[in-house]
Amino acid sequence: MELSYFQGLPSEKRRADFLLGRYAAKHALSRLTNGLKPESIEIRAGAFHQPVVFHDTGLPLAVSISHCRGIVAALAHPATHPFGIDTEVVDAAHLDALRGHVGMGELPEPPAGLSEADRYTRVWTVKEALSKALGCGLTASFEVFEIAERREWDGTRMSGSFSYFPHFAYVSLGSPGRISFALVRPRRTEITWDEGAVCACLEELSSKT
């Protein structure tokens, strides 16, 4: 099914994004399971185009995939604990579109030197990451993904929760003016990850965009 879906994609860009996304997702799932072979995993599109994982271990697994301008990220996780990620390149040309999906009350206060495009992109990535964690993607109104609070905002890191989904929390990391990454998780689920390594990776990627 993956091959037939790939062959039906209408453009080289879509096909490249698909291949890179599947590569990242399957290797993330392999690491999560301590060695499940990538070729034994099939990722199909669900009813809302969300990735659905099929494999032979019997474990309930899931994956969140993001790609933007050749940058691909994937997060594998137990299906019992929904996560969502999103990555976006900061681009002032997208401001008009972003304004239609971000409320003024959701925007973080601008630290010195931080652009309007950066602030809007940060909120957008958080909302899209929540939509992936919920499994509905961009099929719902962005108003229901409203950000309720922000903490620790310093231009690089932002965290908080949501008005209508208080059982989820988010963290947003990025290279100001260049790239934004958001991760959404169940609020009471504790995770251990190297934020410094993620920020370093974003800095490296942003120098190539």
C-alpha atoms as a PDB file:
ATOM      1  CA  MET A   1       0.000   0.000   0.000  1.00  0.00           C
ATOM      2  CA  GLU A   2       2.872   2.370   0.719  1.00  0.00           C
ATOM      3  CA  LEU A   3       4.319   1.823  -2.752  1.00  0.00           C
ATOM      4  CA  SER A   4       1.004   2.383  -4.528  1.00  0.00           C
ATOM      5  CA  TYR A   5       0.405   5.547  -2.483  1.00  0.00           C
ATOM      6  CA  PHE A   6       3.903   6.800  -3.337  1.00  0.00           C
ATOM      7  CA  GLN A   7       3.424   6.107  -7.042  1.00  0.00           C
ATOM      8  CA  GLY A   8       0.166   8.054  -7.034  1.00  0.00           C
ATOM      9  CA  LEU A   9       1.654  11.251  -5.617  1.00  0.00           C
ATOM     10  CA  PRO A  10       1.438  14.061  -8.174  1.00  0.00           C
ATOM     11  CA  SER A  11       4.828  15.771  -7.819  1.00  0.00           C
ATOM     12  CA  GLU A  12       8.508  15.110  -7.164  1.00  0.00           C
ATOM     13  CA  LYS A  13       8.346  17.253  -4.017  1.00  0.00           C
ATOM     14  CA  ARG A  14       5.468  15.215  -2.565  1.00  0.00           C
ATOM     15  CA  ARG A  15       7.276  11.983  -3.378  1.00  0.00           C
ATOM     16  CA  ALA A  16      10.514  13.218  -1.790  1.00  0.00           C
ATOM     17  CA  ASP A  17       8.658  14.342   1.355  1.00  0.00           C
ATOM     18  CA  PHE A  18       6.915  10.970   1.548  1.00  0.00           C
ATOM     19  CA  LEU A  19      10.144   8.979   1.263  1.00  0.00           C
ATOM     20  CA  LEU A  20      12.026  11.111   3.777  1.00  0.00           C
ATOM     21  CA  GLY A  21       9.125  11.009   6.208  1.00  0.00           C
ATOM     22  CA  ARG A  22       8.766   7.224   5.994  1.00  0.00           C
ATOM     23  CA  TYR A  23      12.528   6.773   6.391  1.00  0.00           C
ATOM     24  CA  ALA A  24      12.624   8.915   9.534  1.00  0.00           C
ATOM     25  CA  ALA A  25       9.450   7.376  10.975  1.00  0.00           C
ATOM     26  CA  LYS A  26      10.506   3.772  10.496  1.00  0.00           C
ATOM     27  CA  HIS A  27      13.941   4.336  11.969  1.00  0.00           C
ATOM     28  CA  ALA A  28      12.346   6.114  14.949  1.00  0.00           C
ATOM     29  CA  LEU A  29      10.033   3.132  15.450  1.00  0.00           C
ATOM     30  CA  SER A  30      12.992   0.771  15.154  1.00  0.00           C
ATOM     31  CA  ARG A  31      14.812   2.629  17.927  1.00  0.00           C
ATOM     32  CA  LEU A  32      11.718   2.695  20.127  1.00  0.00           C
ATOM     33  CA  THR A  33      11.361  -1.103  19.852  1.00  0.00           C
ATOM     34  CA  ASN A  34      15.086  -1.836  20.189  1.00  0.00           C
ATOM     35  CA  GLY A  35      15.550  -3.261  16.742  1.00  0.00           C
ATOM     36  CA  LEU A  36      12.272  -3.768  14.885  1.00  0.00           C
ATOM     37  CA  LYS A  37      13.403  -3.864  11.251  1.00  0.00           C
ATOM     38  CA  PRO A  38      12.230  -0.823   9.241  1.00  0.00           C
ATOM     39  CA  GLU A  39      11.292  -3.047   6.304  1.00  0.00           C
ATOM     40  CA  SER A  40       8.860  -4.959   8.548  1.00  0.00           C
ATOM     41  CA  ILE A  41       6.889  -1.774   9.322  1.00  0.00           C
ATOM     42  CA  GLU A  42       4.101  -0.393   7.175  1.00  0.00           C
ATOM     43  CA  ILE A  43       2.725   3.119   7.741  1.00  0.00           C
ATOM     44  CA  ARG A  44      -0.658   3.773   6.172  1.00  0.00           C
ATOM     45  CA  ALA A  45      -2.772   6.896   5.995  1.00  0.00           C
ATOM     46  CA  GLY A  46      -5.750   6.955   8.354  1.00  0.00           C
ATOM     47  CA  ALA A  47      -9.149   8.522   7.711  1.00  0.00           C
ATOM     48  CA  PHE A  48      -7.734  11.987   8.448  1.00  0.00           C
ATOM     49  CA  HIS A  49      -4.401  11.253   6.725  1.00  0.00           C
ATOM     50  CA  GLN A  50      -2.741  10.585  10.073  1.00  0.00           C
ATOM     51  CA  PRO A  51       0.024   7.940  10.011  1.00  0.00           C
ATOM     52  CA  VAL A  52      -1.143   4.514  11.240  1.00  0.00           C
ATOM     53  CA  VAL A  53       1.533   1.959  12.111  1.00  0.00           C
ATOM     54  CA  PHE A  54       1.265  -1.729  11.161  1.00  0.00           C
ATOM     55  CA  HIS A  55       3.869  -4.296  12.312  1.00  0.00           C
ATOM     56  CA  ASP A  56       4.193  -7.824  13.707  1.00  0.00           C
ATOM     57  CA  THR A  57       5.164  -7.238  17.347  1.00  0.00           C
ATOM     58  CA  GLY A  58       1.652  -6.704  18.683  1.00  0.00           C
ATOM     59  CA  LEU A  59       2.749  -3.575  20.545  1.00  0.00           C
ATOM     60  CA  PRO A  60       0.479  -0.517  20.168  1.00  0.00           C
ATOM     61  CA  LEU A  61       2.811   1.902  18.409  1.00  0.00           C
ATOM     62  CA  ALA A  62       2.295   5.276  16.764  1.00  0.00           C
ATOM     63  CA  VAL A  63       4.401   7.934  15.076  1.00  0.00           C
ATOM     64  CA  SER A  64       4.138  11.661  14.399  1.00  0.00           C
ATOM     65  CA  ILE A  65       5.813  12.976  11.235  1.00  0.00           C
ATOM     66  CA  SER A  66       6.652  16.514  10.150  1.00  0.00           C
ATOM     67  CA  HIS A  67       8.335  17.793   7.020  1.00  0.00           C
ATOM     68  CA  CYS A  68       8.996  21.291   5.712  1.00  0.00           C
ATOM     69  CA  ARG A  69      11.281  22.332   2.845  1.00  0.00           C
ATOM     70  CA  GLY A  70      13.329  19.161   2.963  1.00  0.00           C
ATOM     71  CA  ILE A  71      13.508  19.101   6.777  1.00  0.00           C
ATOM     72  CA  VAL A  72      11.946  15.943   8.204  1.00  0.00           C
ATOM     73  CA  ALA A  73      11.316  14.924  11.810  1.00  0.00           C
ATOM     74  CA  ALA A  74       9.596  11.864  13.269  1.00  0.00           C
ATOM     75  CA  LEU A  75       8.688  10.901  16.824  1.00  0.00           C
ATOM     76  CA  ALA A  76       7.784   7.278  17.606  1.00  0.00           C
ATOM     77  CA  HIS A  77       5.795   6.628  20.768  1.00  0.00           C
ATOM     78  CA  PRO A  78       3.415   4.147  22.406  1.00  0.00           C
ATOM     79  CA  ALA A  79      -0.079   4.576  20.969  1.00  0.00           C
ATOM     80  CA  THR A  80      -1.353   4.739  24.559  1.00  0.00           C
ATOM     81  CA  HIS A  81       0.399   8.110  24.993  1.00  0.00           C
ATOM     82  CA  PRO A  82      -0.400  10.368  22.016  1.00  0.00           C
ATOM     83  CA  PHE A  83       2.275  12.826  20.921  1.00  0.00           C
ATOM     84  CA  GLY A  84       2.458  15.311  18.086  1.00  0.00           C
ATOM     85  CA  ILE A  85       5.320  17.258  16.522  1.00  0.00           C
ATOM     86  CA  ASP A  86       5.577  19.995  13.932  1.00  0.00           C
ATOM     87  CA  THR A  87       8.455  21.833  12.293  1.00  0.00           C
ATOM     88  CA  GLU A  88       8.178  25.029  10.269  1.00  0.00           C
ATOM     89  CA  VAL A  89      10.620  27.419   8.616  1.00  0.00           C
ATOM     90  CA  VAL A  90       9.994  31.040   9.616  1.00  0.00           C
ATOM     91  CA  ASP A  91       8.931  32.931   6.499  1.00  0.00           C
ATOM     92  CA  ALA A  92       7.447  36.433   6.498  1.00  0.00           C
ATOM     93  CA  ALA A  93       5.703  35.617   3.195  1.00  0.00           C
ATOM     94  CA  HIS A  94       3.356  33.327   5.166  1.00  0.00           C
ATOM     95  CA  LEU A  95       2.288  35.967   7.690  1.00  0.00           C
ATOM     96  CA  ASP A  96      -1.096  36.748   6.117  1.00  0.00           C
ATOM     97  CA  ALA A  97      -2.047  33.060   6.157  1.00  0.00           C
ATOM     98  CA  LEU A  98      -0.825  32.594   9.741  1.00  0.00           C
ATOM     99  CA  ARG A  99      -2.776  35.602  11.011  1.00  0.00           C
ATOM    100  CA  GLY A 100      -5.992  33.860  10.021  1.00  0.00           C
ATOM    101  CA  HIS A 101      -5.264  30.978  12.395  1.00  0.00           C
ATOM    102  CA  VAL A 102      -3.614  32.682  15.380  1.00  0.00           C
ATOM    103  CA  GLY A 103      -5.421  34.891  17.893  1.00  0.00           C
ATOM    104  CA  MET A 104      -3.731  38.036  19.195  1.00  0.00           C
ATOM    105  CA  GLY A 105      -4.065  36.739  22.751  1.00  0.00           C
ATOM    106  CA  GLU A 106      -2.046  33.653  21.843  1.00  0.00           C
ATOM    107  CA  LEU A 107       1.015  35.537  20.621  1.00  0.00           C
ATOM    108  CA  PRO A 108       4.019  35.603  22.941  1.00  0.00           C
ATOM    109  CA  GLU A 109       5.449  38.955  23.915  1.00  0.00           C
ATOM    110  CA  PRO A 110       8.278  39.817  21.516  1.00  0.00           C
ATOM    111  CA  PRO A 111      11.781  39.697  23.019  1.00  0.00           C
ATOM    112  CA  ALA A 112      14.215  42.139  21.473  1.00  0.00           C
ATOM    113  CA  GLY A 113      14.969  41.275  17.869  1.00  0.00           C
ATOM    114  CA  LEU A 114      12.234  38.669  17.479  1.00  0.00           C
ATOM    115  CA  SER A 115      10.182  39.128  14.321  1.00  0.00           C
ATOM    116  CA  GLU A 116       6.408  39.028  13.975  1.00  0.00           C
ATOM    117  CA  ALA A 117       6.801  36.079  11.603  1.00  0.00           C
ATOM    118  CA  ASP A 118       8.694  34.192  14.302  1.00  0.00           C
ATOM    119  CA  ARG A 119       5.960  34.781  16.901  1.00  0.00           C
ATOM    120  CA  TYR A 120       3.163  33.650  14.587  1.00  0.00           C
ATOM    121  CA  THR A 121       5.141  30.635  13.391  1.00  0.00           C
ATOM    122  CA  ARG A 122       5.758  29.535  16.983  1.00  0.00           C
ATOM    123  CA  VAL A 123       2.044  29.489  17.756  1.00  0.00           C
ATOM    124  CA  TRP A 124       1.192  27.797  14.442  1.00  0.00           C
ATOM    125  CA  THR A 125       3.625  24.914  15.052  1.00  0.00           C
ATOM    126  CA  VAL A 126       2.222  24.346  18.545  1.00  0.00           C
ATOM    127  CA  LYS A 127      -1.342  24.210  17.212  1.00  0.00           C
ATOM    128  CA  GLU A 128      -0.460  21.878  14.371  1.00  0.00           C
ATOM    129  CA  ALA A 129       1.434  19.591  16.751  1.00  0.00           C
ATOM    130  CA  LEU A 130      -1.714  19.385  18.929  1.00  0.00           C
ATOM    131  CA  SER A 131      -3.829  18.548  15.882  1.00  0.00           C
ATOM    132  CA  LYS A 132      -1.482  15.618  15.174  1.00  0.00           C
ATOM    133  CA  ALA A 133      -1.575  14.411  18.776  1.00  0.00           C
ATOM    134  CA  LEU A 134      -5.387  14.395  18.556  1.00  0.00           C
ATOM    135  CA  GLY A 135      -5.237  12.470  15.281  1.00  0.00           C
ATOM    136  CA  CYS A 136      -7.428  14.905  13.365  1.00  0.00           C
ATOM    137  CA  GLY A 137      -4.746  16.982  11.657  1.00  0.00           C
ATOM    138  CA  LEU A 138      -5.881  20.186  10.009  1.00  0.00           C
ATOM    139  CA  THR A 139      -9.464  18.976   9.541  1.00  0.00           C
ATOM    140  CA  ALA A 140     -10.658  20.934  12.616  1.00  0.00           C
ATOM    141  CA  SER A 141     -10.924  24.678  13.186  1.00  0.00           C
ATOM    142  CA  PHE A 142      -7.736  26.128  14.626  1.00  0.00           C
ATOM    143  CA  GLU A 143      -9.835  27.946  17.229  1.00  0.00           C
ATOM    144  CA  VAL A 144     -10.250  24.709  19.195  1.00  0.00           C
ATOM    145  CA  PHE A 145      -6.458  24.424  19.469  1.00  0.00           C
ATOM    146  CA  GLU A 146      -6.228  27.751  21.320  1.00  0.00           C
ATOM    147  CA  ILE A 147      -3.180  28.227  23.531  1.00  0.00           C
ATOM    148  CA  ALA A 148      -4.140  28.980  27.137  1.00  0.00           C
ATOM    149  CA  GLU A 149      -0.839  29.879  28.733  1.00  0.00           C
ATOM    150  CA  ARG A 150       2.828  30.425  28.043  1.00  0.00           C
ATOM    151  CA  ARG A 151       5.734  29.900  30.378  1.00  0.00           C
ATOM    152  CA  GLU A 152       9.485  30.353  30.101  1.00  0.00           C
ATOM    153  CA  TRP A 153       9.262  32.362  26.892  1.00  0.00           C
ATOM    154  CA  ASP A 154      12.699  33.770  26.101  1.00  0.00           C
ATOM    155  CA  GLY A 155      12.690  33.759  22.300  1.00  0.00           C
ATOM    156  CA  THR A 156      14.100  30.227  22.154  1.00  0.00           C
ATOM    157  CA  ARG A 157      11.876  28.143  24.452  1.00  0.00           C
ATOM    158  CA  MET A 158       8.143  28.407  25.092  1.00  0.00           C
ATOM    159  CA  SER A 159       5.897  26.014  27.012  1.00  0.00           C
ATOM    160  CA  GLY A 160       2.341  25.893  28.308  1.00  0.00           C
ATOM    161  CA  SER A 161      -1.074  24.302  27.783  1.00  0.00           C
ATOM    162  CA  PHE A 162      -4.342  24.669  25.841  1.00  0.00           C
ATOM    163  CA  SER A 163      -7.748  26.202  26.532  1.00  0.00           C
ATOM    164  CA  TYR A 164      -9.879  23.298  25.312  1.00  0.00           C
ATOM    165  CA  PHE A 165      -7.437  20.426  25.792  1.00  0.00           C
ATOM    166  CA  PRO A 166      -5.925  21.080  29.249  1.00  0.00           C
ATOM    167  CA  HIS A 167      -4.781  17.452  29.496  1.00  0.00           C
ATOM    168  CA  PHE A 168      -2.118  18.216  26.872  1.00  0.00           C
ATOM    169  CA  ALA A 169       1.014  20.354  27.283  1.00  0.00           C
ATOM    170  CA  TYR A 170       3.434  21.746  24.736  1.00  0.00           C
ATOM    171  CA  VAL A 171       7.009  22.892  24.402  1.00  0.00           C
ATOM    172  CA  SER A 172       8.248  25.018  21.511  1.00  0.00           C
ATOM    173  CA  LEU A 173      11.943  25.263  20.637  1.00  0.00           C
ATOM    174  CA  GLY A 174      13.604  27.108  17.807  1.00  0.00           C
ATOM    175  CA  SER A 175      16.253  29.191  16.213  1.00  0.00           C
ATOM    176  CA  PRO A 176      14.744  32.707  16.327  1.00  0.00           C
ATOM    177  CA  GLY A 177      13.913  34.048  12.892  1.00  0.00           C
ATOM    178  CA  ARG A 178      14.753  30.782  11.183  1.00  0.00           C
ATOM    179  CA  ILE A 179      12.989  27.618  12.317  1.00  0.00           C
ATOM    180  CA  SER A 180      10.427  26.466  14.884  1.00  0.00           C
ATOM    181  CA  PHE A 181       9.811  23.027  16.405  1.00  0.00           C
ATOM    182  CA  ALA A 182       6.905  22.061  18.666  1.00  0.00           C
ATOM    183  CA  LEU A 183       6.180  18.928  20.688  1.00  0.00           C
ATOM    184  CA  VAL A 184       2.811  18.187  22.325  1.00  0.00           C
ATOM    185  CA  ARG A 185       2.363  15.430  24.922  1.00  0.00           C
ATOM    186  CA  PRO A 186      -0.137  14.323  27.564  1.00  0.00           C
ATOM    187  CA  ARG A 187       0.315  16.799  30.421  1.00  0.00           C
ATOM    188  CA  ARG A 188       0.973  14.149  33.063  1.00  0.00           C
ATOM    189  CA  THR A 189       3.331  12.088  30.925  1.00  0.00           C
ATOM    190  CA  GLU A 190       6.913  12.659  31.980  1.00  0.00           C
ATOM    191  CA  ILE A 191       9.531  12.541  29.250  1.00  0.00           C
ATOM    192  CA  THR A 192      13.314  12.764  29.291  1.00  0.00           C
ATOM    193  CA  TRP A 193      14.945  14.400  26.306  1.00  0.00           C
ATOM    194  CA  ASP A 194      17.930  16.553  25.501  1.00  0.00           C
ATOM    195  CA  GLU A 195      16.479  19.972  24.632  1.00  0.00           C
ATOM    196  CA  GLY A 196      19.966  21.352  24.108  1.00  0.00           C
ATOM    197  CA  ALA A 197      20.644  18.744  21.434  1.00  0.00           C
ATOM    198  CA  VAL A 198      17.342  19.560  19.717  1.00  0.00           C
ATOM    199  CA  CYS A 199      18.159  23.282  19.723  1.00  0.00           C
ATOM    200  CA  ALA A 200      21.630  22.556  18.330  1.00  0.00           C
ATOM    201  CA  CYS A 201      20.061  20.462  15.573  1.00  0.00           C
ATOM    202  CA  LEU A 202      17.622  23.257  14.750  1.00  0.00           C
ATOM    203  CA  GLU A 203      20.485  25.741  14.554  1.00  0.00           C
ATOM    204  CA  GLU A 204      22.342  23.451  12.161  1.00  0.00           C
ATOM    205  CA  LEU A 205      19.271  22.908  10.021  1.00  0.00           C
ATOM    206  CA  SER A 206      18.435  26.602   9.936  1.00  0.00           C
ATOM    207  CA  SER A 207      21.854  27.381   8.502  1.00  0.00           C
ATOM    208  CA  LYS A 208      20.969  25.168   5.523  1.00  0.00           C
ATOM    209  CA  THR A 209      17.490  26.534   4.771  1.00  0.00           C
END
